[in-house]
Amino acid sequence: MHGFWNRLKAGWYHKGLGYSTFAKVAVPLILEKAGKAKTFLDVGAGCGTLSIPIAKAGKKVTAMDPSVAMIYYLKEDIKKIGLKRVTPVLSAWGGVKLQPHDVILCANVPQLLKSNRPFLDEAASLAKKALFFIESADPSADKFYYKELYPLLFNKQLEGRTDYLQTYAMLHDMGIFANVEIIEYDFDQPFDDMAEALMFWKEYMGIVTEEHDAKLEGFLRTKLVKKGKILLAKFHKKAAVIWWKKG
């Protein structure tokens, strides 16, 4: 996972947080269900999408991520706002010894959540009070217009995706009958100009030549919305918050 989040992608993700309602929707739900929990371990915390607002609410957060670029942005942000309650940890899951926390949180990290019984077992053993897993709630959902772009650029269909039901079923098999809350949020991506947008899609789709530039730019001109001085790719998402309390 740390190889996926290079400095370029991490920078775009961090830039997009200013146009995202994910934390505004997810954090109040997490805090409500977590009750009097005081310590949180955010696994795959990225640049602090959830860690920072949870810490601002008075909780102590260990924010763990394997990406050097993501941890860089996290450290910069907590330094900028003077937030003392977040402890960044640069590590993949299993890379460092972790102390138990009241709450274990893992949001939008498919490498850990999908078909990964060992992670679910280990996370459950580390949580003292509750666990929260957040995953996509719509297997037909599109990502970055890929469903249209793959046929247009590569003459092939995009393979289907799984969603939270796979994780929920695995928890059920483990004897864990978790709660599920479906949330919806916006995660729009801003660009300074069309050149940056082209770079974004080429980076994410693994395009290294210029052979698709004309088609890709023509497509993006039908999708991106002008907002002041920026271009905005608007994305609306559904996710499942899978949670349960230890007891």
Protein backbone atom coordinates (compact mmCIF):
# COMPACT_ATOMS: atom_id res chain seq x y z
CA MET A 1 0.00 0.00 0.00
CA HIS A 2 2.87 2.39 0.77
CA GLY A 3 4.02 2.01 -2.84
CA PHE A 4 0.63 3.17 -4.10
CA TRP A 5 0.68 6.45 -2.21
CA ASN A 6 3.63 8.22 -3.80
CA ARG A 7 4.16 11.94 -3.14
CA LEU A 8 2.11 12.89 -6.21
CA LYS A 9 -0.99 10.87 -5.27
CA ALA A 10 -0.73 11.76 -1.61
CA GLY A 11 -0.58 15.44 -2.56
CA TRP A 12 -3.74 15.15 -4.65
CA TYR A 13 -5.53 13.28 -1.87
CA HIS A 14 -4.50 15.90 0.68
CA LYS A 15 -5.62 18.67 -1.67
CA GLY A 16 -9.00 16.97 -2.10
CA LEU A 17 -9.72 16.90 1.64
CA GLY A 18 -10.76 20.53 1.45
CA TYR A 19 -13.62 19.47 -0.83
CA SER A 20 -14.60 16.31 1.06
CA THR A 21 -17.49 15.83 3.48
CA PHE A 22 -16.28 12.36 4.54
CA ALA A 23 -14.92 13.36 7.95
CA LYS A 24 -17.90 15.63 8.66
CA VAL A 25 -20.23 12.67 8.12
CA ALA A 26 -18.17 9.81 9.58
CA VAL A 27 -16.55 11.33 12.67
CA PRO A 28 -19.74 12.33 14.55
CA LEU A 29 -21.09 8.81 14.03
CA ILE A 30 -17.85 7.22 15.26
CA LEU A 31 -17.68 9.45 18.33
CA GLU A 32 -21.31 8.81 19.20
CA LYS A 33 -21.00 5.03 18.96
CA ALA A 34 -17.58 4.94 20.68
CA GLY A 35 -19.08 6.47 23.80
CA LYS A 36 -16.51 7.21 26.50
CA ALA A 37 -13.56 5.74 24.60
CA LYS A 38 -10.45 7.88 24.99
CA THR A 39 -7.77 6.23 22.83
CA PHE A 40 -8.05 5.46 19.11
CA LEU A 41 -5.77 3.53 16.75
CA ASP A 42 -6.40 4.67 13.17
CA VAL A 43 -4.99 1.97 10.87
CA GLY A 44 -4.19 3.26 7.40
CA ALA A 45 -4.75 6.78 8.67
CA GLY A 46 -3.37 8.45 5.55
CA CYS A 47 -2.81 12.15 6.11
CA GLY A 48 -5.21 12.24 9.04
CA THR A 49 -8.62 12.42 7.38
CA LEU A 50 -10.27 10.97 10.50
CA SER A 51 -7.41 11.12 13.01
CA ILE A 52 -7.23 14.91 13.12
CA PRO A 53 -10.95 15.62 13.73
CA ILE A 54 -11.13 12.78 16.28
CA ALA A 55 -8.17 14.30 18.13
CA LYS A 56 -9.76 17.73 17.92
CA ALA A 57 -12.73 16.20 19.75
CA GLY A 58 -10.44 15.48 22.70
CA LYS A 59 -9.41 11.91 21.95
CA LYS A 60 -5.86 10.55 21.86
CA VAL A 61 -5.08 9.07 18.44
CA THR A 62 -2.32 6.84 17.13
CA ALA A 63 -2.31 7.42 13.36
CA MET A 64 -0.54 4.57 11.58
CA ASP A 65 0.20 4.48 7.85
CA PRO A 66 2.89 2.81 5.70
CA SER A 67 3.20 5.74 3.28
CA VAL A 68 6.06 8.18 3.84
CA ALA A 69 4.19 10.79 1.79
CA MET A 70 0.96 10.46 3.78
CA ILE A 71 2.74 10.65 7.12
CA TYR A 72 4.59 13.74 5.87
CA TYR A 73 1.30 15.56 5.22
CA LEU A 74 -0.11 14.37 8.54
CA LYS A 75 2.89 15.70 10.47
CA GLU A 76 2.77 19.00 8.60
CA ASP A 77 -0.93 19.49 9.38
CA ILE A 78 -0.75 18.63 13.09
CA LYS A 79 2.28 20.92 13.42
CA LYS A 80 0.47 23.73 11.62
CA ILE A 81 -2.57 23.57 13.91
CA GLY A 82 -0.61 22.70 17.06
CA LEU A 83 -2.44 19.44 17.69
CA LYS A 84 -0.75 17.37 20.41
CA ARG A 85 -3.14 14.43 20.61
CA VAL A 86 -2.07 12.68 17.38
CA THR A 87 0.92 10.33 17.33
CA PRO A 88 2.00 9.51 13.75
CA VAL A 89 3.45 6.02 13.20
CA LEU A 90 5.11 5.19 9.89
CA SER A 91 4.45 1.47 9.52
CA ALA A 92 2.39 -1.14 7.75
CA TRP A 93 0.11 -3.34 9.84
CA GLY A 94 2.30 -5.90 11.62
CA GLY A 95 5.41 -3.77 11.24
CA VAL A 96 5.52 -2.47 14.80
CA LYS A 97 4.32 -3.69 18.17
CA LEU A 98 1.10 -1.92 19.07
CA GLN A 99 -0.46 -1.33 22.46
CA PRO A 100 -4.18 -1.97 22.96
CA HIS A 101 -6.43 1.04 22.33
CA ASP A 102 -10.03 1.65 23.31
CA VAL A 103 -11.01 1.84 19.64
CA ILE A 104 -9.51 0.35 16.49
CA LEU A 105 -10.49 2.23 13.33
CA CYS A 106 -9.74 1.25 9.73
CA ALA A 107 -11.32 3.27 6.92
CA ASN A 108 -11.09 2.61 3.20
CA VAL A 109 -8.08 0.28 3.30
CA PRO A 110 -9.13 -2.63 1.05
CA GLN A 111 -5.73 -4.30 1.34
CA LEU A 112 -6.46 -4.92 5.02
CA LEU A 113 -10.20 -5.37 5.09
CA LYS A 114 -10.98 -7.58 2.12
CA SER A 115 -10.63 -11.35 2.74
CA ASN A 116 -8.15 -10.78 5.54
CA ARG A 117 -9.16 -12.89 8.53
CA PRO A 118 -5.78 -12.48 10.31
CA PHE A 119 -6.15 -8.69 10.33
CA LEU A 120 -9.71 -8.91 11.66
CA ASP A 121 -8.58 -11.27 14.43
CA GLU A 122 -5.59 -9.12 15.40
CA ALA A 123 -7.57 -5.87 15.32
CA ALA A 124 -10.29 -7.37 17.50
CA SER A 125 -7.69 -8.52 20.03
CA LEU A 126 -6.17 -5.02 20.28
CA ALA A 127 -9.44 -3.16 20.76
CA LYS A 128 -10.53 -2.72 24.36
CA LYS A 129 -13.95 -1.19 23.71
CA ALA A 130 -15.00 -0.98 20.05
CA LEU A 131 -14.01 -1.39 16.41
CA PHE A 132 -14.98 0.59 13.32
CA PHE A 133 -14.34 -0.52 9.75
CA ILE A 134 -15.41 1.67 6.84
CA GLU A 135 -15.74 0.33 3.29
CA SER A 136 -17.51 1.10 0.05
CA ALA A 137 -21.21 0.25 0.15
CA ASP A 138 -21.91 0.03 -3.56
CA PRO A 139 -20.22 -2.63 -5.74
CA SER A 140 -21.51 -0.88 -8.86
CA ALA A 141 -19.98 2.45 -7.86
CA ASP A 142 -17.64 4.08 -10.35
CA LYS A 143 -14.18 5.36 -9.42
CA PHE A 144 -12.74 8.34 -11.27
CA TYR A 145 -15.05 7.63 -14.25
CA TYR A 146 -13.21 4.35 -14.93
CA LYS A 147 -16.36 2.62 -16.18
CA GLU A 148 -16.47 5.06 -19.07
CA LEU A 149 -12.74 5.57 -19.51
CA TYR A 150 -11.62 1.95 -19.78
CA PRO A 151 -13.81 1.22 -22.84
CA LEU A 152 -12.94 4.61 -24.33
CA LEU A 153 -9.17 4.38 -23.91
CA PHE A 154 -8.40 0.67 -23.68
CA ASN A 155 -11.40 -0.94 -25.42
CA LYS A 156 -12.17 -3.11 -22.41
CA GLN A 157 -14.58 -3.17 -19.49
CA LEU A 158 -13.50 -2.51 -15.94
CA GLU A 159 -13.66 -5.54 -13.65
CA GLY A 160 -16.32 -5.51 -10.95
CA ARG A 161 -15.58 -4.54 -7.35
CA THR A 162 -16.60 -6.00 -4.01
CA ASP A 163 -17.94 -3.96 -1.12
CA TYR A 164 -18.48 -4.18 2.64
CA LEU A 165 -20.61 -7.34 2.50
CA GLN A 166 -17.50 -9.49 2.10
CA THR A 167 -16.05 -8.15 5.34
CA TYR A 168 -19.38 -8.33 7.11
CA ALA A 169 -19.83 -11.98 6.10
CA MET A 170 -16.35 -12.82 7.37
CA LEU A 171 -17.10 -11.17 10.71
CA HIS A 172 -20.35 -13.13 10.87
CA ASP A 173 -18.40 -16.36 10.34
CA MET A 174 -16.18 -15.29 13.25
CA GLY A 175 -19.25 -14.97 15.47
CA ILE A 176 -19.19 -11.18 15.37
CA PHE A 177 -22.61 -9.73 14.58
CA ALA A 178 -21.68 -6.16 13.82
CA ASN A 179 -23.83 -3.09 13.31
CA VAL A 180 -23.88 -1.35 9.93
CA GLU A 181 -24.58 2.31 9.23
CA ILE A 182 -24.68 3.47 5.60
CA ILE A 183 -23.31 6.95 5.05
CA GLU A 184 -23.09 9.18 1.97
CA TYR A 185 -20.53 11.88 1.35
CA ASP A 186 -18.86 13.99 -1.32
CA PHE A 187 -15.19 13.54 -2.17
CA ASP A 188 -14.55 16.04 -4.95
CA GLN A 189 -11.11 16.43 -6.49
CA PRO A 190 -9.80 19.92 -7.37
CA PHE A 191 -7.32 20.74 -10.13
CA ASP A 192 -5.53 23.98 -10.94
CA ASP A 193 -6.00 23.38 -14.67
CA MET A 194 -6.60 20.73 -17.32
CA ALA A 195 -2.91 19.83 -17.45
CA GLU A 196 -3.01 18.81 -13.79
CA ALA A 197 -6.22 16.84 -14.35
CA LEU A 198 -4.61 14.95 -17.23
CA MET A 199 -1.60 14.18 -15.06
CA PHE A 200 -3.92 12.90 -12.30
CA TRP A 201 -5.79 10.42 -14.50
CA LYS A 202 -2.66 9.25 -16.28
CA GLU A 203 -0.93 8.60 -12.97
CA TYR A 204 -3.87 6.66 -11.53
CA MET A 205 -4.48 4.67 -14.72
CA GLY A 206 -0.83 3.89 -15.32
CA ILE A 207 -0.60 5.75 -18.64
CA VAL A 208 2.97 6.82 -19.40
CA THR A 209 2.68 7.89 -23.05
CA GLU A 210 0.74 10.71 -24.73
CA GLU A 211 -1.27 8.49 -27.09
CA HIS A 212 -4.50 8.83 -25.07
CA ASP A 213 -4.17 12.52 -24.15
CA ALA A 214 -6.58 13.89 -26.76
CA LYS A 215 -9.36 11.41 -25.95
CA LEU A 216 -8.82 11.76 -22.22
CA GLU A 217 -8.88 15.56 -22.33
CA GLY A 218 -11.99 15.57 -24.50
CA PHE A 219 -13.72 13.28 -22.01
CA LEU A 220 -12.66 15.31 -18.97
CA ARG A 221 -13.96 18.51 -20.54
CA THR A 222 -17.44 16.95 -20.37
CA LYS A 223 -17.04 16.04 -16.69
CA LEU A 224 -15.02 18.66 -14.84
CA VAL A 225 -16.85 21.63 -13.37
CA LYS A 226 -15.39 25.13 -13.31
CA LYS A 227 -15.48 26.60 -9.79
CA GLY A 228 -13.76 29.95 -9.48
CA LYS A 229 -10.18 29.45 -10.61
CA ILE A 230 -10.18 25.66 -10.30
CA LEU A 231 -11.61 22.64 -12.09
CA LEU A 232 -13.54 20.19 -9.93
CA ALA A 233 -14.23 16.49 -10.47
CA LYS A 234 -17.36 15.83 -8.42
CA PHE A 235 -17.76 12.42 -6.77
CA HIS A 236 -20.56 11.25 -4.46
CA LYS A 237 -19.91 8.08 -2.50
CA LYS A 238 -21.66 5.58 -0.25
CA ALA A 239 -19.87 3.71 2.49
CA ALA A 240 -20.72 1.27 5.24
CA VAL A 241 -19.55 1.91 8.78
CA ILE A 242 -19.26 -1.56 10.30
CA TRP A 243 -18.93 -1.30 14.06
CA TRP A 244 -19.33 -3.28 17.24
CA LYS A 245 -18.50 -2.98 20.91
CA LYS A 246 -16.42 -5.45 22.86
CA GLY A 247 -18.23 -6.99 25.76
